[in-house]
Protein backbone atom coordinates (compact mmCIF):
# COMPACT_ATOMS: atom_id res chain seq x y z
CA MET A 1 0.01 5.64 16.19
CA SER A 2 1.75 4.41 13.06
CA ASP A 3 3.77 1.78 14.86
CA PRO A 4 1.45 -0.24 17.09
CA ASP A 5 4.37 -2.01 18.74
CA ALA A 6 5.95 1.30 19.72
CA ALA A 7 2.85 2.26 21.66
CA SER A 8 1.80 -1.08 23.07
CA PRO A 9 -0.05 -0.62 26.33
CA VAL A 10 1.17 -1.99 29.61
CA ALA A 11 -0.85 -3.35 32.49
CA ALA A 12 -2.39 -0.80 34.80
CA THR A 13 -0.48 0.05 37.90
CA SER A 14 -2.90 2.57 39.33
CA ALA A 15 -6.40 2.07 40.67
CA ASN A 16 -7.44 5.24 38.81
CA SER A 17 -6.26 4.02 35.40
CA PRO A 18 -8.01 1.13 33.69
CA ALA A 19 -6.09 -2.02 32.81
CA PHE A 20 -6.54 -3.76 29.50
CA PRO A 21 -9.71 -5.81 29.77
CA GLY A 22 -9.88 -9.54 29.15
CA PRO A 23 -11.33 -11.17 26.04
CA SER A 24 -14.86 -10.25 25.03
CA PRO A 25 -16.94 -11.49 22.13
CA ALA A 26 -17.85 -7.85 21.39
CA SER A 27 -15.03 -7.34 18.90
CA PRO A 28 -12.60 -9.30 16.75
CA THR A 29 -9.70 -8.12 18.90
CA GLY A 30 -11.23 -9.80 21.95
CA THR A 31 -12.15 -6.56 23.74
CA ALA A 32 -14.85 -4.00 23.18
CA PRO A 33 -13.39 -0.98 21.33
CA TRP A 34 -14.16 1.54 24.08
CA ASP A 35 -12.62 -0.77 26.70
CA THR A 36 -9.42 -0.75 24.65
CA ILE A 37 -9.59 3.05 24.32
CA ASP A 38 -10.09 3.40 28.09
CA ALA A 39 -7.00 1.26 28.63
CA LEU A 40 -4.97 3.27 26.10
CA VAL A 41 -5.94 6.54 27.76
CA GLY A 42 -5.05 5.12 31.18
CA TRP A 43 -1.68 3.99 29.88
CA LEU A 44 -0.99 7.34 28.16
CA ASP A 45 -2.01 9.21 31.33
CA ARG A 46 0.35 7.12 33.45
CA GLU A 47 3.25 7.61 31.03
CA SER A 48 2.76 11.35 30.55
CA VAL A 49 5.09 13.79 32.27
CA LEU A 50 3.26 16.83 30.89
CA PRO A 51 0.65 18.98 32.60
CA ALA A 52 -2.87 17.64 31.90
CA GLU A 53 -3.88 20.63 29.75
CA GLN A 54 -0.83 20.29 27.54
CA GLU A 55 -1.33 16.52 27.22
CA ARG A 56 -4.96 17.10 26.21
CA LEU A 57 -3.99 19.59 23.49
CA LEU A 58 -1.25 17.33 22.13
CA ARG A 59 -3.67 14.41 21.87
CA LEU A 60 -5.94 16.62 19.77
CA LEU A 61 -3.02 17.70 17.57
CA LYS A 62 -2.09 14.04 17.09
CA LEU A 63 -5.20 13.78 14.90
CA SER A 64 -3.64 16.14 12.35
CA GLU A 65 -0.49 14.06 12.27
CA GLU A 66 -2.46 10.87 11.66
CA ALA A 67 -4.57 12.53 8.93
CA GLY A 68 -1.33 13.56 7.24
CA GLU A 69 -0.19 9.94 7.32
CA VAL A 70 -3.42 8.95 5.53
CA ALA A 71 -2.67 11.53 2.84
CA GLN A 72 0.91 10.28 2.52
CA ALA A 73 -0.33 6.68 2.15
CA VAL A 74 -2.90 7.66 -0.51
CA ILE A 75 -0.24 9.55 -2.46
CA GLY A 76 2.03 6.52 -2.18
CA ALA A 77 -0.72 4.06 -3.15
CA THR A 78 -1.59 6.05 -6.25
CA GLY A 79 2.03 6.76 -7.20
CA GLN A 80 1.48 10.51 -7.29
CA ASN A 81 5.03 11.32 -6.23
CA PRO A 82 7.22 10.51 -9.25
CA ARG A 83 10.32 10.44 -7.08
CA LYS A 84 8.92 7.73 -4.79
CA GLY A 85 6.54 5.90 -7.12
CA ARG A 86 4.12 3.47 -5.51
CA SER A 87 5.53 3.53 -2.00
CA HIS A 88 2.35 2.39 -0.22
CA THR A 89 -0.52 -0.04 -0.69
CA TRP A 90 -4.23 0.39 -0.08
CA ASP A 91 -3.73 -1.82 2.98
CA ASP A 92 -1.42 0.93 4.26
CA VAL A 93 -4.22 3.45 3.70
CA HIS A 94 -6.63 1.21 5.63
CA ALA A 95 -4.18 0.97 8.53
CA GLU A 96 -3.64 4.74 8.60
CA LEU A 97 -7.40 5.35 8.60
CA CYS A 98 -7.70 2.99 11.55
CA ASP A 99 -4.99 4.99 13.31
CA VAL A 100 -7.06 8.16 12.75
CA ILE A 101 -10.13 6.48 14.25
CA VAL A 102 -8.23 5.21 17.30
CA THR A 103 -6.54 8.58 17.79
CA ALA A 104 -9.89 10.39 17.59
CA MET A 105 -11.40 7.99 20.10
CA VAL A 106 -8.45 8.54 22.45
CA ALA A 107 -8.81 12.31 22.06
CA LEU A 108 -12.54 12.17 22.78
CA ARG A 109 -12.00 9.92 25.80
CA THR A 110 -9.29 12.28 27.04
CA LEU A 111 -11.78 15.15 26.91
CA THR A 112 -14.65 13.32 28.61
CA PRO A 113 -15.12 10.13 30.60
CA GLU A 114 -18.54 9.97 28.87
CA ALA A 115 -16.94 9.41 25.44
CA ARG A 116 -19.00 6.29 24.71
CA GLN A 117 -22.27 8.09 25.32
CA VAL A 118 -21.15 11.25 23.49
CA PHE A 119 -20.18 9.23 20.43
CA ALA A 120 -23.30 7.04 20.49
CA GLY A 121 -25.52 10.13 20.73
CA HIS A 122 -23.68 11.82 17.88
CA LEU A 123 -23.93 8.71 15.73
CA ARG A 124 -27.70 8.54 16.38
CA ARG A 125 -28.06 12.18 15.28
CA VAL A 126 -26.06 11.50 12.11
CA ALA A 127 -28.12 8.39 11.34
CA LYS A 128 -31.34 10.40 11.62
CA ARG A 129 -30.09 12.69 8.82
CA VAL A 130 -29.37 9.81 6.45
CA PRO A 131 -32.41 8.24 4.78
CA GLY A 132 -32.44 4.49 5.35
CA ALA A 133 -29.54 4.49 7.82
CA ALA A 134 -29.94 2.21 10.78
CA SER A 135 -29.81 4.00 14.09
CA PRO A 136 -27.22 2.46 16.42
CA SER A 137 -28.25 0.93 19.73
CA PRO A 138 -27.95 3.18 22.81
């Protein structure tokens, strides 16, 4: 997910795969995050030529790739590779972290159509363990 233009979603062509939703005040991008994830998963499903089980496993493995890109960006932002110097910025690290989040959401949605509820429930459980943390809305 490093190059957003390389993976830009296309309009849905199947009744079973969601299309990209229209603008919504729910997020700065104009669509609610999970609506965007649903559309990404629909697009990836339509474009895949692999068996469903293999596609599912590869989407989970994609998380490791994205985490590696975060590490590479941190190393580049701190100049820890003398051969490359400061090859990245902290904005690059932010972007790579966002890629990890999107990739994890896609992986979760690939595993269950109830991804929104699974994540919301998990977040509520995490919030209960943190003193003073606000519990998210259901």
